C-alpha atoms as a PDB file:
ATOM      1  CA  MET A   1      53.636   3.895  -0.225  1.00  0.00           C
ATOM      2  CA  ALA A   2      50.081   2.622  -0.194  1.00  0.00           C
ATOM      3  CA  GLU A   3      49.883  -1.133   0.542  1.00  0.00           C
ATOM      4  CA  TRP A   4      53.534  -1.109   1.593  1.00  0.00           C
ATOM      5  CA  TRP A   5      53.222  -4.644   2.741  1.00  0.00           C
ATOM      6  CA  ARG A   6      52.770  -6.098  -0.797  1.00  0.00           C
ATOM      7  CA  PRO A   7      55.569  -8.555  -1.513  1.00  0.00           C
ATOM      8  CA  ASP A   8      56.822  -6.627  -4.596  1.00  0.00           C
ATOM      9  CA  ARG A   9      56.963  -3.366  -2.617  1.00  0.00           C
ATOM     10  CA  LEU A  10      58.536  -4.870   0.442  1.00  0.00           C
ATOM     11  CA  ALA A  11      61.116  -6.591  -1.822  1.00  0.00           C
ATOM     12  CA  MET A  12      62.190  -3.170  -3.148  1.00  0.00           C
ATOM     13  CA  ARG A  13      63.155  -2.161   0.406  1.00  0.00           C
ATOM     14  CA  HIS A  14      64.616  -5.503   1.438  1.00  0.00           C
ATOM     15  CA  GLY A  15      68.305  -4.605   0.984  1.00  0.00           C
ATOM     16  CA  ARG A  16      67.973  -1.410   2.890  1.00  0.00           C
ATOM     17  CA  LEU A  17      66.052  -3.043   5.707  1.00  0.00           C
ATOM     18  CA  LEU A  18      68.728  -5.793   6.063  1.00  0.00           C
ATOM     19  CA  ALA A  19      71.338  -2.991   6.132  1.00  0.00           C
ATOM     20  CA  ARG A  20      69.369  -1.335   8.942  1.00  0.00           C
ATOM     21  CA  GLY A  21      69.770  -4.443  11.007  1.00  0.00           C
ATOM     22  CA  ARG A  22      73.518  -4.550  10.364  1.00  0.00           C
ATOM     23  CA  ILE A  23      73.873  -0.885  11.329  1.00  0.00           C
ATOM     24  CA  LEU A  24      71.894  -1.406  14.597  1.00  0.00           C
ATOM     25  CA  ALA A  25      74.194  -4.394  15.451  1.00  0.00           C
ATOM     26  CA  ALA A  26      77.195  -2.139  14.866  1.00  0.00           C
ATOM     27  CA  VAL A  27      75.728   0.550  17.081  1.00  0.00           C
ATOM     28  CA  ARG A  28      75.131  -1.965  19.891  1.00  0.00           C
ATOM     29  CA  GLU A  29      78.680  -3.220  19.497  1.00  0.00           C
ATOM     30  CA  PHE A  30      80.057   0.376  19.712  1.00  0.00           C
ATOM     31  CA  PHE A  31      78.277   1.220  22.863  1.00  0.00           C
ATOM     32  CA  ALA A  32      78.957  -2.150  24.552  1.00  0.00           C
ATOM     33  CA  GLY A  33      82.653  -1.655  23.740  1.00  0.00           C
ATOM     34  CA  SER A  34      82.632   1.830  25.171  1.00  0.00           C
ATOM     35  CA  GLY A  35      81.140   0.823  28.487  1.00  0.00           C
ATOM     36  CA  PHE A  36      77.560   2.091  27.974  1.00  0.00           C
ATOM     37  CA  VAL A  37      74.466   0.458  29.434  1.00  0.00           C
ATOM     38  CA  GLU A  38      71.435   0.179  27.192  1.00  0.00           C
ATOM     39  CA  VAL A  39      68.309   1.515  28.855  1.00  0.00           C
ATOM     40  CA  ASP A  40      64.620   1.443  27.933  1.00  0.00           C
ATOM     41  CA  THR A  41      62.443   4.301  29.264  1.00  0.00           C
ATOM     42  CA  PRO A  42      58.636   4.763  28.642  1.00  0.00           C
ATOM     43  CA  ALA A  43      57.258   6.751  25.770  1.00  0.00           C
ATOM     44  CA  LEU A  44      54.312   7.934  27.851  1.00  0.00           C
ATOM     45  CA  GLN A  45      55.284  10.990  29.898  1.00  0.00           C
ATOM     46  CA  VAL A  46      53.924  13.961  31.905  1.00  0.00           C
ATOM     47  CA  SER A  47      55.688  16.311  29.446  1.00  0.00           C
ATOM     48  CA  PRO A  48      56.549  15.503  25.894  1.00  0.00           C
ATOM     49  CA  GLY A  49      59.372  18.071  25.787  1.00  0.00           C
ATOM     50  CA  LEU A  50      59.075  21.869  25.578  1.00  0.00           C
ATOM     51  CA  GLU A  51      60.730  22.843  22.325  1.00  0.00           C
ATOM     52  CA  PRO A  52      58.278  25.463  21.038  1.00  0.00           C
ATOM     53  CA  HIS A  53      57.927  24.217  17.494  1.00  0.00           C
ATOM     54  CA  LEU A  54      57.306  20.527  18.219  1.00  0.00           C
ATOM     55  CA  ARG A  55      53.718  19.162  18.310  1.00  0.00           C
ATOM     56  CA  ALA A  56      53.061  16.141  20.596  1.00  0.00           C
ATOM     57  CA  PHE A  57      50.467  13.402  20.594  1.00  0.00           C
ATOM     58  CA  ALA A  58      48.222  13.718  23.667  1.00  0.00           C
ATOM     59  CA  THR A  59      46.169  11.092  25.485  1.00  0.00           C
ATOM     60  CA  LEU A  60      44.525  10.345  28.834  1.00  0.00           C
ATOM     61  CA  LEU A  61      45.827   7.881  31.356  1.00  0.00           C
ATOM     62  CA  HIS A  62      43.194   6.072  33.409  1.00  0.00           C
ATOM     63  CA  ASP A  63      44.755   5.275  36.695  1.00  0.00           C
ATOM     64  CA  PRO A  64      42.634   2.569  38.451  1.00  0.00           C
ATOM     65  CA  ARG A  65      44.365   3.237  41.795  1.00  0.00           C
ATOM     66  CA  ASP A  66      42.234   6.414  42.246  1.00  0.00           C
ATOM     67  CA  ASN A  67      40.000   6.237  39.152  1.00  0.00           C
ATOM     68  CA  ALA A  68      41.608   9.480  37.848  1.00  0.00           C
ATOM     69  CA  LEU A  69      42.116  10.565  34.239  1.00  0.00           C
ATOM     70  CA  ARG A  70      45.514  12.194  33.824  1.00  0.00           C
ATOM     71  CA  PRO A  71      46.774  14.005  30.707  1.00  0.00           C
ATOM     72  CA  ARG A  72      49.824  12.222  29.216  1.00  0.00           C
ATOM     73  CA  TYR A  73      51.920  12.645  26.054  1.00  0.00           C
ATOM     74  CA  LEU A  74      54.021  10.446  23.785  1.00  0.00           C
ATOM     75  CA  HIS A  75      57.476  11.875  24.263  1.00  0.00           C
ATOM     76  CA  THR A  76      59.213  13.798  21.404  1.00  0.00           C
ATOM     77  CA  SER A  77      62.548  12.540  22.865  1.00  0.00           C
ATOM     78  CA  PRO A  78      63.472  10.324  25.818  1.00  0.00           C
ATOM     79  CA  GLU A  79      65.777  13.016  27.136  1.00  0.00           C
ATOM     80  CA  PHE A  80      64.051  13.848  30.424  1.00  0.00           C
ATOM     81  CA  ALA A  81      63.757  10.218  31.570  1.00  0.00           C
ATOM     82  CA  MET A  82      67.368   9.451  30.653  1.00  0.00           C
ATOM     83  CA  LYS A  83      68.640  12.443  32.581  1.00  0.00           C
ATOM     84  CA  LYS A  84      66.711  11.300  35.626  1.00  0.00           C
ATOM     85  CA  LEU A  85      68.714   8.041  35.382  1.00  0.00           C
ATOM     86  CA  LEU A  86      71.912  10.120  35.387  1.00  0.00           C
ATOM     87  CA  ALA A  87      70.733  11.897  38.579  1.00  0.00           C
ATOM     88  CA  GLY A  88      70.126   8.483  39.990  1.00  0.00           C
ATOM     89  CA  GLY A  89      73.729   7.447  39.515  1.00  0.00           C
ATOM     90  CA  MET A  90      74.009   5.981  36.016  1.00  0.00           C
ATOM     91  CA  THR A  91      77.124   7.206  34.225  1.00  0.00           C
ATOM     92  CA  ARG A  92      77.010   6.040  30.576  1.00  0.00           C
ATOM     93  CA  ILE A  93      73.713   5.203  29.066  1.00  0.00           C
ATOM     94  CA  TRP A  94      72.254   4.848  25.553  1.00  0.00           C
ATOM     95  CA  GLN A  95      68.851   4.081  24.078  1.00  0.00           C
ATOM     96  CA  LEU A  96      67.239   3.515  20.660  1.00  0.00           C
ATOM     97  CA  ALA A  97      63.752   4.859  21.385  1.00  0.00           C
ATOM     98  CA  HIS A  98      60.659   5.458  19.327  1.00  0.00           C
ATOM     99  CA  ALA A  99      59.854   9.145  19.429  1.00  0.00           C
ATOM    100  CA  PHE A 100      56.656  10.881  18.277  1.00  0.00           C
ATOM    101  CA  ARG A 101      56.056  14.228  16.641  1.00  0.00           C
ATOM    102  CA  ASP A 102      52.720  15.303  15.160  1.00  0.00           C
ATOM    103  CA  GLY A 103      52.463  17.253  11.975  1.00  0.00           C
ATOM    104  CA  GLU A 104      55.842  15.969  10.687  1.00  0.00           C
ATOM    105  CA  ARG A 105      55.805  14.079   7.406  1.00  0.00           C
ATOM    106  CA  SER A 106      58.287  14.577   4.524  1.00  0.00           C
ATOM    107  CA  ALA A 107      61.170  12.733   2.895  1.00  0.00           C
ATOM    108  CA  THR A 108      63.141  13.181   6.043  1.00  0.00           C
ATOM    109  CA  HIS A 109      60.445  13.293   8.667  1.00  0.00           C
ATOM    110  CA  HIS A 110      57.986  10.713  10.027  1.00  0.00           C
ATOM    111  CA  PRO A 111      55.389  11.000  12.840  1.00  0.00           C
ATOM    112  CA  GLU A 112      56.945   7.991  14.620  1.00  0.00           C
ATOM    113  CA  PHE A 113      60.723   7.552  14.229  1.00  0.00           C
ATOM    114  CA  ALA A 114      63.735   6.017  15.869  1.00  0.00           C
ATOM    115  CA  MET A 115      65.892   8.267  18.007  1.00  0.00           C
ATOM    116  CA  LEU A 116      69.319   7.228  19.146  1.00  0.00           C
ATOM    117  CA  GLU A 117      70.323   9.058  22.398  1.00  0.00           C
ATOM    118  CA  TRP A 118      73.359   8.618  24.578  1.00  0.00           C
ATOM    119  CA  TYR A 119      74.748  10.442  27.656  1.00  0.00           C
ATOM    120  CA  ARG A 120      78.184  10.580  29.294  1.00  0.00           C
ATOM    121  CA  VAL A 121      78.837  11.735  32.885  1.00  0.00           C
ATOM    122  CA  GLY A 122      82.069  13.585  33.318  1.00  0.00           C
ATOM    123  CA  ALA A 123      82.169  14.511  29.649  1.00  0.00           C
ATOM    124  CA  ASP A 124      81.351  17.595  27.476  1.00  0.00           C
ATOM    125  CA  TYR A 125      80.252  18.122  23.904  1.00  0.00           C
ATOM    126  CA  ARG A 126      83.749  17.577  22.518  1.00  0.00           C
ATOM    127  CA  ASP A 127      83.671  13.962  23.707  1.00  0.00           C
ATOM    128  CA  LEU A 128      80.399  13.474  21.773  1.00  0.00           C
ATOM    129  CA  MET A 129      82.052  14.829  18.699  1.00  0.00           C
ATOM    130  CA  ASP A 130      84.547  12.017  18.876  1.00  0.00           C
ATOM    131  CA  ASP A 131      81.668   9.496  19.532  1.00  0.00           C
ATOM    132  CA  CYS A 132      79.967  10.695  16.304  1.00  0.00           C
ATOM    133  CA  GLU A 133      83.090  10.211  14.180  1.00  0.00           C
ATOM    134  CA  ALA A 134      83.586   6.612  15.456  1.00  0.00           C
ATOM    135  CA  LEU A 135      79.788   5.781  15.231  1.00  0.00           C
ATOM    136  CA  LEU A 136      79.364   7.032  11.624  1.00  0.00           C
ATOM    137  CA  ARG A 137      82.450   5.085  10.436  1.00  0.00           C
ATOM    138  CA  ARG A 138      80.914   1.885  11.854  1.00  0.00           C
ATOM    139  CA  ALA A 139      77.549   2.580  10.266  1.00  0.00           C
ATOM    140  CA  GLN A 140      79.078   3.220   6.875  1.00  0.00           C
ATOM    141  CA  ALA A 141      81.132   0.040   7.107  1.00  0.00           C
ATOM    142  CA  ALA A 142      78.199  -2.040   8.342  1.00  0.00           C
ATOM    143  CA  ALA A 143      76.154  -0.870   5.344  1.00  0.00           C
ATOM    144  CA  GLY A 144      79.018  -1.907   3.014  1.00  0.00           C
ATOM    145  CA  ALA A 145      79.001   1.718   1.608  1.00  0.00           C
ATOM    146  CA  SER A 146      82.014   3.619   0.282  1.00  0.00           C
ATOM    147  CA  THR A 147      80.365   6.860   1.245  1.00  0.00           C
ATOM    148  CA  LEU A 148      77.250   8.224   2.948  1.00  0.00           C
ATOM    149  CA  ALA A 149      74.897   9.682   0.284  1.00  0.00           C
ATOM    150  CA  TRP A 150      71.663  11.709  -0.117  1.00  0.00           C
ATOM    151  CA  GLN A 151      70.210  13.672  -2.966  1.00  0.00           C
ATOM    152  CA  GLY A 152      73.190  13.293  -5.225  1.00  0.00           C
ATOM    153  CA  ARG A 153      75.652  14.492  -2.517  1.00  0.00           C
ATOM    154  CA  SER A 154      78.179  12.271  -0.681  1.00  0.00           C
ATOM    155  CA  ALA A 155      80.332  12.392   2.404  1.00  0.00           C
ATOM    156  CA  ASP A 156      82.959   9.854   3.482  1.00  0.00           C
ATOM    157  CA  ALA A 157      82.810   9.202   7.241  1.00  0.00           C
ATOM    158  CA  ASN A 158      86.357   7.866   6.992  1.00  0.00           C
ATOM    159  CA  ARG A 159      87.640  11.333   6.212  1.00  0.00           C
ATOM    160  CA  ALA A 160      88.432  13.861   8.984  1.00  0.00           C
ATOM    161  CA  PHE A 161      85.143  15.551  10.032  1.00  0.00           C
ATOM    162  CA  GLU A 162      84.936  19.272   9.464  1.00  0.00           C
ATOM    163  CA  ARG A 163      84.485  21.156  12.767  1.00  0.00           C
ATOM    164  CA  LEU A 164      82.980  24.572  12.001  1.00  0.00           C
ATOM    165  CA  SER A 165      81.654  27.115  14.485  1.00  0.00           C
ATOM    166  CA  VAL A 166      78.260  28.754  13.836  1.00  0.00           C
ATOM    167  CA  ALA A 167      80.025  32.153  13.729  1.00  0.00           C
ATOM    168  CA  ASP A 168      82.397  30.950  11.082  1.00  0.00           C
ATOM    169  CA  ALA A 169      79.698  29.326   9.068  1.00  0.00           C
ATOM    170  CA  PHE A 170      77.610  32.526   8.950  1.00  0.00           C
ATOM    171  CA  ARG A 171      80.716  34.538   7.988  1.00  0.00           C
ATOM    172  CA  ARG A 172      81.810  32.043   5.293  1.00  0.00           C
ATOM    173  CA  TYR A 173      78.497  31.403   3.522  1.00  0.00           C
ATOM    174  CA  ALA A 174      76.358  34.496   4.295  1.00  0.00           C
ATOM    175  CA  GLY A 175      78.908  37.217   5.095  1.00  0.00           C
ATOM    176  CA  ILE A 176      77.129  37.892   8.423  1.00  0.00           C
ATOM    177  CA  ASP A 177      78.691  38.378  11.886  1.00  0.00           C
ATOM    178  CA  ILE A 178      76.020  36.449  13.731  1.00  0.00           C
ATOM    179  CA  LEU A 179      77.253  37.393  17.145  1.00  0.00           C
ATOM    180  CA  ALA A 180      77.306  41.109  16.394  1.00  0.00           C
ATOM    181  CA  ALA A 181      73.794  40.681  14.875  1.00  0.00           C
ATOM    182  CA  ALA A 182      72.635  39.244  18.249  1.00  0.00           C
ATOM    183  CA  SER A 183      73.314  42.510  20.178  1.00  0.00           C
ATOM    184  CA  ASP A 184      72.329  41.257  23.671  1.00  0.00           C
ATOM    185  CA  PRO A 185      73.137  37.577  23.288  1.00  0.00           C
ATOM    186  CA  ALA A 186      70.521  36.467  25.770  1.00  0.00           C
ATOM    187  CA  ARG A 187      67.817  38.611  24.107  1.00  0.00           C
ATOM    188  CA  PRO A 188      68.895  39.334  20.606  1.00  0.00           C
ATOM    189  CA  ASP A 189      67.435  42.167  18.584  1.00  0.00           C
ATOM    190  CA  PRO A 190      65.760  40.989  15.379  1.00  0.00           C
ATOM    191  CA  ALA A 191      66.255  44.369  13.764  1.00  0.00           C
ATOM    192  CA  ARG A 192      70.030  43.958  13.788  1.00  0.00           C
ATOM    193  CA  LEU A 193      69.873  40.520  12.149  1.00  0.00           C
ATOM    194  CA  ALA A 194      67.235  41.765   9.628  1.00  0.00           C
ATOM    195  CA  ALA A 195      69.640  44.470   8.551  1.00  0.00           C
ATOM    196  CA  ALA A 196      72.541  42.075   8.180  1.00  0.00           C
ATOM    197  CA  ALA A 197      70.318  39.564   6.298  1.00  0.00           C
ATOM    198  CA  ALA A 198      69.159  42.315   3.892  1.00  0.00           C
ATOM    199  CA  GLN A 199      72.810  43.083   3.073  1.00  0.00           C
ATOM    200  CA  ALA A 200      73.239  39.389   2.285  1.00  0.00           C
ATOM    201  CA  GLY A 201      70.190  39.565  -0.049  1.00  0.00           C
ATOM    202  CA  ILE A 202      67.702  37.816   2.270  1.00  0.00           C
ATOM    203  CA  ALA A 203      64.638  39.728   3.069  1.00  0.00           C
ATOM    204  CA  ALA A 204      62.915  39.562   6.458  1.00  0.00           C
ATOM    205  CA  HIS A 205      59.211  38.865   6.664  1.00  0.00           C
ATOM    206  CA  PRO A 206      56.768  40.829   8.758  1.00  0.00           C
ATOM    207  CA  GLY A 207      56.724  39.552  12.322  1.00  0.00           C
ATOM    208  CA  ASP A 208      59.966  37.609  12.061  1.00  0.00           C
ATOM    209  CA  ASP A 209      61.681  37.252  15.441  1.00  0.00           C
ATOM    210  CA  TRP A 210      65.441  36.745  15.758  1.00  0.00           C
ATOM    211  CA  GLU A 211      65.308  32.937  15.677  1.00  0.00           C
ATOM    212  CA  THR A 212      63.077  32.884  12.652  1.00  0.00           C
ATOM    213  CA  LEU A 213      65.534  35.168  10.821  1.00  0.00           C
ATOM    214  CA  TYR A 214      68.432  33.009  11.914  1.00  0.00           C
ATOM    215  CA  PHE A 215      66.825  29.943  10.215  1.00  0.00           C
ATOM    216  CA  ARG A 216      65.835  31.919   7.146  1.00  0.00           C
ATOM    217  CA  VAL A 217      69.478  32.713   6.520  1.00  0.00           C
ATOM    218  CA  PHE A 218      70.696  29.283   7.735  1.00  0.00           C
ATOM    219  CA  LEU A 219      68.431  27.217   5.589  1.00  0.00           C
ATOM    220  CA  ASP A 220      69.023  29.363   2.481  1.00  0.00           C
ATOM    221  CA  ARG A 221      72.768  29.908   2.672  1.00  0.00           C
ATOM    222  CA  ILE A 222      74.422  27.594   5.110  1.00  0.00           C
ATOM    223  CA  GLU A 223      72.764  24.200   5.596  1.00  0.00           C
ATOM    224  CA  PRO A 224      73.138  23.133   1.920  1.00  0.00           C
ATOM    225  CA  ASN A 225      76.895  23.499   2.215  1.00  0.00           C
ATOM    226  CA  LEU A 226      77.366  21.363   5.364  1.00  0.00           C
ATOM    227  CA  GLY A 227      78.605  17.817   5.333  1.00  0.00           C
ATOM    228  CA  ILE A 228      79.699  17.695   1.716  1.00  0.00           C
ATOM    229  CA  GLY A 229      82.722  15.440   1.145  1.00  0.00           C
ATOM    230  CA  ALA A 230      82.953  14.758   4.845  1.00  0.00           C
ATOM    231  CA  PRO A 231      80.478  15.229   7.772  1.00  0.00           C
ATOM    232  CA  THR A 232      80.389  18.611   9.398  1.00  0.00           C
ATOM    233  CA  ILE A 233      80.132  19.293  13.130  1.00  0.00           C
ATOM    234  CA  LEU A 234      78.580  22.709  13.532  1.00  0.00           C
ATOM    235  CA  TYR A 235      79.302  23.914  17.057  1.00  0.00           C
ATOM    236  CA  ASP A 236      79.036  26.847  19.512  1.00  0.00           C
ATOM    237  CA  TYR A 237      75.540  28.297  18.997  1.00  0.00           C
ATOM    238  CA  PRO A 238      74.425  31.718  20.115  1.00  0.00           C
ATOM    239  CA  VAL A 239      73.442  31.458  23.794  1.00  0.00           C
ATOM    240  CA  SER A 240      69.814  32.421  22.931  1.00  0.00           C
ATOM    241  CA  MET A 241      69.641  29.012  21.075  1.00  0.00           C
ATOM    242  CA  ALA A 242      71.116  27.105  23.979  1.00  0.00           C
ATOM    243  CA  ALA A 243      68.049  24.825  24.346  1.00  0.00           C
ATOM    244  CA  LEU A 244      69.150  22.421  27.114  1.00  0.00           C
ATOM    245  CA  SER A 245      72.848  23.113  26.796  1.00  0.00           C
ATOM    246  CA  ARG A 246      75.097  25.141  29.190  1.00  0.00           C
ATOM    247  CA  ALA A 247      76.744  28.440  28.350  1.00  0.00           C
ATOM    248  CA  LYS A 248      80.387  28.265  27.265  1.00  0.00           C
ATOM    249  CA  PRO A 249      82.639  29.170  30.261  1.00  0.00           C
ATOM    250  CA  GLN A 250      85.220  30.938  28.087  1.00  0.00           C
ATOM    251  CA  ASP A 251      82.540  33.008  26.180  1.00  0.00           C
ATOM    252  CA  PRO A 252      79.085  33.402  27.680  1.00  0.00           C
ATOM    253  CA  ARG A 253      77.710  34.690  24.344  1.00  0.00           C
ATOM    254  CA  LEU A 254      77.884  30.989  23.159  1.00  0.00           C
ATOM    255  CA  ALA A 255      76.302  27.692  24.209  1.00  0.00           C
ATOM    256  CA  GLU A 256      78.144  24.332  24.152  1.00  0.00           C
ATOM    257  CA  ARG A 257      75.909  22.806  21.556  1.00  0.00           C
ATOM    258  CA  PHE A 258      76.629  21.216  18.229  1.00  0.00           C
ATOM    259  CA  GLU A 259      74.682  19.667  15.335  1.00  0.00           C
ATOM    260  CA  LEU A 260      76.022  17.026  12.930  1.00  0.00           C
ATOM    261  CA  TYR A 261      75.355  17.438   9.195  1.00  0.00           C
ATOM    262  CA  VAL A 262      75.889  14.972   6.397  1.00  0.00           C
ATOM    263  CA  CYS A 263      75.146  15.736   2.780  1.00  0.00           C
ATOM    264  CA  GLY A 264      73.273  18.846   3.859  1.00  0.00           C
ATOM    265  CA  LEU A 265      70.990  16.865   6.119  1.00  0.00           C
ATOM    266  CA  GLU A 266      70.876  17.428   9.934  1.00  0.00           C
ATOM    267  CA  LEU A 267      71.629  14.073  11.682  1.00  0.00           C
ATOM    268  CA  ALA A 268      72.199  14.951  15.372  1.00  0.00           C
ATOM    269  CA  ASN A 269      71.908  17.555  18.098  1.00  0.00           C
ATOM    270  CA  ALA A 270      74.271  17.518  21.112  1.00  0.00           C
ATOM    271  CA  PHE A 271      74.879  19.434  24.308  1.00  0.00           C
ATOM    272  CA  SER A 272      77.171  19.860  27.252  1.00  0.00           C
ATOM    273  CA  GLU A 273      74.098  19.549  29.428  1.00  0.00           C
ATOM    274  CA  LEU A 274      72.644  22.321  31.559  1.00  0.00           C
ATOM    275  CA  THR A 275      72.653  21.189  35.263  1.00  0.00           C
ATOM    276  CA  ASP A 276      71.349  24.332  36.942  1.00  0.00           C
ATOM    277  CA  ALA A 277      67.708  23.675  37.994  1.00  0.00           C
ATOM    278  CA  ALA A 278      66.827  27.314  38.426  1.00  0.00           C
ATOM    279  CA  GLU A 279      68.151  28.229  34.951  1.00  0.00           C
ATOM    280  CA  GLN A 280      66.340  25.259  33.441  1.00  0.00           C
ATOM    281  CA  ARG A 281      63.036  26.223  35.049  1.00  0.00           C
ATOM    282  CA  ALA A 282      63.411  29.744  33.548  1.00  0.00           C
ATOM    283  CA  ARG A 283      64.145  28.364  30.107  1.00  0.00           C
ATOM    284  CA  PHE A 284      61.159  26.110  30.308  1.00  0.00           C
ATOM    285  CA  ALA A 285      58.922  29.010  31.269  1.00  0.00           C
ATOM    286  CA  ALA A 286      60.256  30.975  28.314  1.00  0.00           C
ATOM    287  CA  ASP A 287      59.682  28.054  25.980  1.00  0.00           C
ATOM    288  CA  GLN A 288      56.116  27.660  27.282  1.00  0.00           C
ATOM    289  CA  ALA A 289      55.411  31.407  26.749  1.00  0.00           C
ATOM    290  CA  ARG A 290      56.835  31.302  23.159  1.00  0.00           C
ATOM    291  CA  LYS A 291      54.776  28.263  22.244  1.00  0.00           C
ATOM    292  CA  GLN A 292      51.673  29.896  23.633  1.00  0.00           C
ATOM    293  CA  ALA A 293      52.376  33.064  21.622  1.00  0.00           C
ATOM    294  CA  LEU A 294      53.046  31.198  18.382  1.00  0.00           C
ATOM    295  CA  TYR A 295      50.457  28.396  18.481  1.00  0.00           C
ATOM    296  CA  GLY A 296      47.966  29.112  21.287  1.00  0.00           C
ATOM    297  CA  GLU A 297      48.890  26.058  23.326  1.00  0.00           C
ATOM    298  CA  THR A 298      51.688  24.758  25.573  1.00  0.00           C
ATOM    299  CA  TYR A 299      52.694  21.607  27.433  1.00  0.00           C
ATOM    300  CA  PRO A 300      53.317  21.062  31.176  1.00  0.00           C
ATOM    301  CA  ILE A 301      56.714  21.203  32.754  1.00  0.00           C
ATOM    302  CA  ASP A 302      57.984  17.817  34.090  1.00  0.00           C
ATOM    303  CA  LEU A 303      58.358  18.782  37.714  1.00  0.00           C
ATOM    304  CA  ASP A 304      59.988  15.429  38.489  1.00  0.00           C
ATOM    305  CA  PHE A 305      62.760  16.307  35.961  1.00  0.00           C
ATOM    306  CA  LEU A 306      63.401  19.627  37.777  1.00  0.00           C
ATOM    307  CA  ALA A 307      63.469  17.719  41.094  1.00  0.00           C
ATOM    308  CA  ALA A 308      66.193  15.453  39.639  1.00  0.00           C
ATOM    309  CA  LEU A 309      68.195  18.500  38.646  1.00  0.00           C
ATOM    310  CA  GLU A 310      67.782  19.977  42.110  1.00  0.00           C
ATOM    311  CA  HIS A 311      68.892  16.665  43.626  1.00  0.00           C
ATOM    312  CA  GLY A 312      71.998  16.927  41.416  1.00  0.00           C
ATOM    313  CA  LEU A 313      72.588  16.156  37.770  1.00  0.00           C
ATOM    314  CA  PRO A 314      76.305  15.609  37.399  1.00  0.00           C
ATOM    315  CA  GLU A 315      78.340  17.304  34.699  1.00  0.00           C
ATOM    316  CA  CYS A 316      77.551  15.449  31.544  1.00  0.00           C
ATOM    317  CA  ALA A 317      76.962  15.564  27.857  1.00  0.00           C
ATOM    318  CA  GLY A 318      74.149  14.123  25.707  1.00  0.00           C
ATOM    319  CA  ILE A 319      73.152  13.732  22.095  1.00  0.00           C
ATOM    320  CA  ALA A 320      70.140  12.743  20.049  1.00  0.00           C
ATOM    321  CA  LEU A 321      70.786  11.185  16.576  1.00  0.00           C
ATOM    322  CA  GLY A 322      68.119  10.312  14.039  1.00  0.00           C
ATOM    323  CA  PHE A 323      68.662   6.571  13.446  1.00  0.00           C
ATOM    324  CA  ASP A 324      66.405   6.369  10.463  1.00  0.00           C
ATOM    325  CA  ARG A 325      68.333   9.227   8.817  1.00  0.00           C
ATOM    326  CA  LEU A 326      71.616   7.447   9.583  1.00  0.00           C
ATOM    327  CA  VAL A 327      70.247   4.409   7.704  1.00  0.00           C
ATOM    328  CA  MET A 328      69.047   6.621   4.818  1.00  0.00           C
ATOM    329  CA  LEU A 329      72.555   8.102   4.474  1.00  0.00           C
ATOM    330  CA  SER A 330      74.250   4.717   4.827  1.00  0.00           C
ATOM    331  CA  THR A 331      72.062   3.131   2.106  1.00  0.00           C
ATOM    332  CA  GLY A 332      71.553   6.087  -0.221  1.00  0.00           C
ATOM    333  CA  ALA A 333      67.774   6.175   0.357  1.00  0.00           C
ATOM    334  CA  GLU A 334      65.983   9.325  -0.740  1.00  0.00           C
ATOM    335  CA  ASP A 335      62.916   8.979   1.405  1.00  0.00           C
ATOM    336  CA  ILE A 336      62.693   7.892   5.110  1.00  0.00           C
ATOM    337  CA  GLU A 337      59.936   5.385   4.348  1.00  0.00           C
ATOM    338  CA  GLU A 338      62.486   3.393   2.275  1.00  0.00           C
ATOM    339  CA  VAL A 339      64.239   2.445   5.555  1.00  0.00           C
ATOM    340  CA  LEU A 340      61.284   1.820   7.781  1.00  0.00           C
ATOM    341  CA  TRP A 341      59.897  -1.697   8.293  1.00  0.00           C
ATOM    342  CA  ALA A 342      56.397  -0.287   8.381  1.00  0.00           C
ATOM    343  CA  PRO A 343      55.209   3.317   7.928  1.00  0.00           C
ATOM    344  CA  VAL A 344      52.539   5.032   9.949  1.00  0.00           C
ATOM    345  CA  ARG A 345      49.292   5.275   8.040  1.00  0.00           C
END
């Protein structure tokens, strides 16, 4: 979209951009009606987030108070700052934040994008599933759409959402018992999953670890089938993929995490949040080690975030939803730049 500002090119996106405004108004109305407070946290942070595969934008902060130069990053998500607010006593908060991820540009990715995040104290991931159903129905109505659509596929948010466990999805679409293929759930053996994938007709590549094999099967056999006809909530991930979620009390092999899919496109990622500071510190260290092994770099841990957990993060649930993708689905756009007021160049 070179010279995206030209009147003829902006006019082509005009209807979708107006719909974006209506969807945002519907989002604000939803959260206000549900007792949430809108917050606004800074994008500049000590740690951008520690997910191993994400690349952050780095800068230096010149602090005139002591004339020091301090490394800082544009956040990949406002999660850490929002959880600090929960530790400080907030109970229901939401934010539409700009998030930043380097090296991401495709029809569904942009280096700067809008992330919708919300958190509930005294809730778990099942409450967020209900939130997603209500929110997507409002977005579809605000856009004036009969269905959500992408790449020739459609899903009606007014239909009952499919709720499908990760284990059932792997069984249904790949014929794989993913929990048996994990062996030790906390430290799964890639050889087991490689053997199961081979039986399903998917070959492992040299050096594949368990998570890489998981996504090789998932992207090939499972993701394209999710969210067709109605949105799909894919829940209960293997505990090795817990990220910032807690283990499931009834089955410690699983994590209370779900992802929301519409028309084969991932839209949101949600957790019953981990509140144990020691466990979180251990997971951060493991993420740092993995990033260092894969990419030869790592990012610092936000010690203030760990201090907030130690002070006491209440039982809560949180979710991150790609707002630009929601607008894409609501307006039938094929490319994320069709729903952005101005792309990064």
